[in-house]
Amino acid sequence: MIKLTAIRWAFFVIGLITFSFGISVTVNVQHLGIHPWDVLSVGLFELVGFTIGTWNIIIGFILIVVSWILDKSYIKLGTFLNAVLVGVFVDLFLWLDFLPKPGITWIDGIMMICGIVIMGVGGGLYNAARVGSGPRDGFMLSMADKLGAPIGRVRIYTESSVLVLGLLLGGPVFIFTFIFTFIQSPIFQYVFHRFDRLIEGIAERMKLKSSSPSSRASG
């Protein structure tokens, strides 16, 4: 079981790093529009200061507090680590400044699509680890349970409200802001199901191996 736990946390950390890198890529070409939650972080960064990653952490912890009040079942250790590590890695990638400089060219569009795909892959990976929902997902799941409403509807209302707030704060909203989910969600779903089955398969094989006669004899 210790080995399985280590595997889950390895997927979780790799997924978070991948997801954070995807955010950094999209923020680098933010003039094309970014995800509503990132619109809010960038808007607060432009208005107040700090860093985009710091605002990601602050918003994450606010959502954790609200989720904790509504429904503690969605809050696990991974939720807290998600709130901190995503912000830290986003700031790290932006600070390293190794991404191509944005320009008004077709290359920016390719960069944006790559960033969205990377976010979908990373999100699928860390969620497949099942060590805790991200702060935003946990918040929307808690709200859906509390209101008795479909998660899809809660997500639309929540992200629309966040988008409007971010826009009022001066966050970057453009065409990709509105098509973001249509690209990211299918990739997230595909990666999540593939790696969720992979991890469960590993767990099943480990269980069978530990219960085999040879294993009991050697024990």
Protein backbone atom coordinates (compact mmCIF):
# COMPACT_ATOMS: atom_id res chain seq x y z
CA MET A 1 0.00 0.00 0.00
CA ILE A 2 2.90 2.33 0.65
CA LYS A 3 4.12 1.77 -2.89
CA LEU A 4 0.65 2.54 -4.31
CA THR A 5 0.46 5.73 -2.26
CA ALA A 6 3.84 6.79 -3.62
CA ILE A 7 2.60 6.12 -7.18
CA ARG A 8 -0.52 8.23 -6.59
CA TRP A 9 1.52 11.14 -5.22
CA ALA A 10 3.98 10.88 -8.11
CA PHE A 11 1.11 11.22 -10.60
CA PHE A 12 -0.26 14.10 -8.52
CA VAL A 13 2.99 16.09 -8.49
CA ILE A 14 3.75 15.44 -12.18
CA GLY A 15 0.19 16.49 -13.00
CA LEU A 16 0.46 19.70 -10.98
CA ILE A 17 3.76 20.66 -12.62
CA THR A 18 2.30 19.94 -16.07
CA PHE A 19 -0.89 21.88 -15.29
CA SER A 20 1.09 24.85 -13.95
CA PHE A 21 3.28 24.89 -17.03
CA GLY A 22 0.17 24.98 -19.20
CA ILE A 23 -1.15 27.98 -17.26
CA SER A 24 2.21 29.75 -17.73
CA VAL A 25 2.11 29.13 -21.49
CA THR A 26 -1.40 30.60 -21.79
CA VAL A 27 -0.59 33.58 -19.56
CA ASN A 28 2.44 34.27 -21.77
CA VAL A 29 0.06 34.88 -24.71
CA GLN A 30 -2.76 36.29 -22.60
CA HIS A 31 -3.74 38.88 -25.22
CA LEU A 32 -5.61 36.02 -26.95
CA GLY A 33 -7.70 35.41 -23.81
CA ILE A 34 -7.18 32.97 -20.93
CA HIS A 35 -9.25 30.79 -18.59
CA PRO A 36 -11.77 32.74 -16.43
CA TRP A 37 -9.98 31.88 -13.15
CA ASP A 38 -6.68 33.07 -14.63
CA VAL A 39 -8.40 36.23 -15.92
CA LEU A 40 -9.22 36.96 -12.28
CA SER A 41 -5.65 36.27 -11.08
CA VAL A 42 -4.12 38.46 -13.81
CA GLY A 43 -6.69 41.20 -13.17
CA LEU A 44 -5.81 41.27 -9.45
CA PHE A 45 -2.10 41.21 -10.33
CA GLU A 46 -2.53 44.23 -12.63
CA LEU A 47 -4.65 46.14 -10.11
CA VAL A 48 -3.03 45.32 -6.76
CA GLY A 49 0.39 43.81 -7.43
CA PHE A 50 1.96 40.65 -5.95
CA THR A 51 2.37 37.90 -8.56
CA ILE A 52 -0.06 35.87 -10.64
CA GLY A 53 0.94 32.74 -8.72
CA THR A 54 0.38 34.49 -5.38
CA TRP A 55 -3.15 35.43 -6.39
CA ASN A 56 -3.70 31.85 -7.51
CA ILE A 57 -2.75 30.72 -4.00
CA ILE A 58 -4.88 33.37 -2.25
CA ILE A 59 -7.95 32.58 -4.34
CA GLY A 60 -7.35 28.86 -3.81
CA PHE A 61 -7.34 29.20 -0.03
CA ILE A 62 -10.44 31.39 -0.03
CA LEU A 63 -12.24 28.69 -2.00
CA ILE A 64 -10.94 25.99 0.37
CA VAL A 65 -12.40 27.87 3.35
CA VAL A 66 -15.78 28.19 1.63
CA SER A 67 -15.72 24.50 0.61
CA TRP A 68 -14.75 23.51 4.16
CA ILE A 69 -17.83 25.34 5.47
CA LEU A 70 -20.13 23.83 2.83
CA ASP A 71 -18.81 20.26 2.64
CA LYS A 72 -15.56 19.02 4.19
CA SER A 73 -15.62 15.78 2.17
CA TYR A 74 -13.98 17.42 -0.86
CA ILE A 75 -11.04 18.79 1.15
CA LYS A 76 -7.98 16.56 1.45
CA LEU A 77 -4.22 17.05 1.77
CA GLY A 78 -3.92 17.22 -2.02
CA THR A 79 -6.36 20.16 -2.08
CA PHE A 80 -4.05 22.28 0.08
CA LEU A 81 -0.96 21.23 -1.84
CA ASN A 82 -2.74 22.04 -5.10
CA ALA A 83 -3.56 25.56 -3.88
CA VAL A 84 0.08 26.24 -3.00
CA LEU A 85 2.09 24.33 -5.59
CA VAL A 86 0.21 25.52 -8.69
CA GLY A 87 0.85 29.14 -7.72
CA VAL A 88 4.50 28.43 -6.91
CA PHE A 89 5.15 26.59 -10.18
CA VAL A 90 3.34 29.21 -12.28
CA ASP A 91 5.50 31.95 -10.78
CA LEU A 92 8.61 29.81 -11.26
CA PHE A 93 7.92 29.17 -14.95
CA LEU A 94 7.11 32.85 -15.59
CA TRP A 95 10.21 33.94 -13.66
CA LEU A 96 12.46 31.64 -15.70
CA ASP A 97 11.25 33.59 -18.76
CA PHE A 98 12.16 30.86 -21.25
CA LEU A 99 8.93 30.93 -23.26
CA PRO A 100 8.93 32.65 -26.68
CA LYS A 101 8.09 36.35 -26.52
CA PRO A 102 4.49 36.96 -27.59
CA GLY A 103 3.73 38.80 -30.79
CA ILE A 104 0.64 39.34 -32.88
CA THR A 105 1.28 36.28 -35.07
CA TRP A 106 -0.15 32.84 -35.74
CA ILE A 107 2.58 31.40 -33.51
CA ASP A 108 0.79 32.88 -30.50
CA GLY A 109 -2.34 30.93 -31.44
CA ILE A 110 -0.37 27.70 -31.58
CA MET A 111 1.20 28.53 -28.20
CA MET A 112 -2.24 29.13 -26.70
CA ILE A 113 -3.65 25.85 -28.02
CA CYS A 114 -0.57 24.00 -26.73
CA GLY A 115 -1.00 25.62 -23.32
CA ILE A 116 -4.66 24.62 -23.14
CA VAL A 117 -3.82 21.04 -24.15
CA ILE A 118 -1.04 20.88 -21.53
CA MET A 119 -3.47 22.14 -18.87
CA GLY A 120 -5.96 19.43 -19.85
CA VAL A 121 -3.29 16.74 -19.62
CA GLY A 122 -1.99 18.02 -16.28
CA GLY A 123 -5.47 18.36 -14.80
CA GLY A 124 -6.34 14.81 -15.84
CA LEU A 125 -3.13 13.48 -14.32
CA TYR A 126 -3.40 15.06 -10.89
CA ASN A 127 -7.11 14.30 -10.58
CA ALA A 128 -6.52 10.65 -11.51
CA ALA A 129 -4.25 10.40 -8.45
CA ARG A 130 -7.36 10.88 -6.27
CA VAL A 131 -5.57 12.56 -3.39
CA GLY A 132 -7.87 15.58 -3.27
CA SER A 133 -9.87 17.84 -5.59
CA GLY A 134 -8.36 21.16 -6.63
CA PRO A 135 -9.70 24.20 -4.71
CA ARG A 136 -11.83 25.35 -7.65
CA ASP A 137 -13.26 21.90 -8.38
CA GLY A 138 -13.92 21.28 -4.69
CA PHE A 139 -15.69 24.63 -4.41
CA MET A 140 -17.96 23.93 -7.39
CA LEU A 141 -18.71 20.39 -6.22
CA SER A 142 -19.58 21.70 -2.74
CA MET A 143 -21.83 24.39 -4.23
CA ALA A 144 -23.56 21.83 -6.44
CA ASP A 145 -24.25 19.59 -3.42
CA LYS A 146 -25.46 22.50 -1.30
CA LEU A 147 -27.77 23.90 -3.98
CA GLY A 148 -28.86 20.52 -5.32
CA ALA A 149 -27.93 21.71 -8.81
CA PRO A 150 -26.05 19.95 -11.64
CA ILE A 151 -22.29 20.51 -11.48
CA GLY A 152 -22.28 21.64 -15.11
CA ARG A 153 -24.70 24.46 -14.37
CA VAL A 154 -22.81 25.50 -11.24
CA ARG A 155 -19.56 25.54 -13.25
CA ILE A 156 -21.10 27.77 -15.92
CA TYR A 157 -22.51 30.23 -13.37
CA THR A 158 -19.34 30.26 -11.28
CA GLU A 159 -16.91 30.72 -14.15
CA SER A 160 -19.15 33.34 -15.78
CA SER A 161 -19.21 35.34 -12.54
CA VAL A 162 -15.44 34.98 -12.14
CA LEU A 163 -14.96 36.07 -15.76
CA VAL A 164 -17.05 39.21 -15.30
CA LEU A 165 -15.20 40.10 -12.08
CA GLY A 166 -11.82 39.51 -13.74
CA LEU A 167 -12.86 41.62 -16.72
CA LEU A 168 -13.92 44.49 -14.44
CA LEU A 169 -10.50 44.28 -12.76
CA GLY A 170 -8.76 44.57 -16.13
CA GLY A 171 -8.00 40.90 -16.79
CA PRO A 172 -7.34 39.72 -20.36
CA VAL A 173 -10.50 38.48 -22.07
CA PHE A 174 -10.58 37.57 -25.75
CA ILE A 175 -11.64 34.79 -28.12
CA PHE A 176 -9.79 31.92 -26.38
CA THR A 177 -11.46 32.77 -23.06
CA PHE A 178 -14.75 31.59 -24.52
CA ILE A 179 -13.47 28.46 -26.30
CA PHE A 180 -11.04 27.43 -23.54
CA THR A 181 -13.35 24.87 -21.95
CA PHE A 182 -14.31 23.28 -25.28
CA ILE A 183 -10.64 22.40 -25.88
CA GLN A 184 -9.50 21.62 -22.35
CA SER A 185 -12.44 19.59 -21.03
CA PRO A 186 -12.36 16.70 -23.56
CA ILE A 187 -8.59 16.34 -23.12
CA PHE A 188 -8.95 16.44 -19.34
CA GLN A 189 -11.67 13.77 -19.46
CA TYR A 190 -9.68 11.48 -21.76
CA VAL A 191 -6.45 11.73 -19.74
CA PHE A 192 -8.29 11.37 -16.43
CA HIS A 193 -10.05 8.17 -17.45
CA ARG A 194 -6.91 6.65 -19.01
CA PHE A 195 -4.69 7.26 -15.98
CA ASP A 196 -7.44 6.53 -13.47
CA ARG A 197 -7.77 3.06 -15.06
CA LEU A 198 -3.98 2.71 -15.11
CA ILE A 199 -3.63 3.50 -11.40
CA GLU A 200 -6.56 1.26 -10.47
CA GLY A 201 -4.99 -1.52 -12.57
CA ILE A 202 -1.71 -1.12 -10.71
CA ALA A 203 -3.59 -1.24 -7.40
CA GLU A 204 -5.40 -4.42 -8.42
CA ARG A 205 -2.19 -6.14 -9.51
CA MET A 206 -0.49 -5.17 -6.25
CA LYS A 207 -3.45 -6.54 -4.29
CA LEU A 208 -3.37 -9.83 -6.17
CA LYS A 209 0.38 -10.11 -5.74
CA SER A 210 0.22 -9.47 -1.99
CA SER A 211 -2.52 -12.10 -1.58
CA SER A 212 -0.81 -14.78 -3.68
CA PRO A 213 0.37 -17.97 -1.89
CA SER A 214 4.03 -17.25 -2.71
CA SER A 215 3.74 -13.83 -1.10
CA ARG A 216 2.17 -15.26 2.06
CA ALA A 217 4.81 -18.01 2.19
CA SER A 218 7.65 -15.56 1.91
CA GLY A 219 6.06 -13.42 4.60
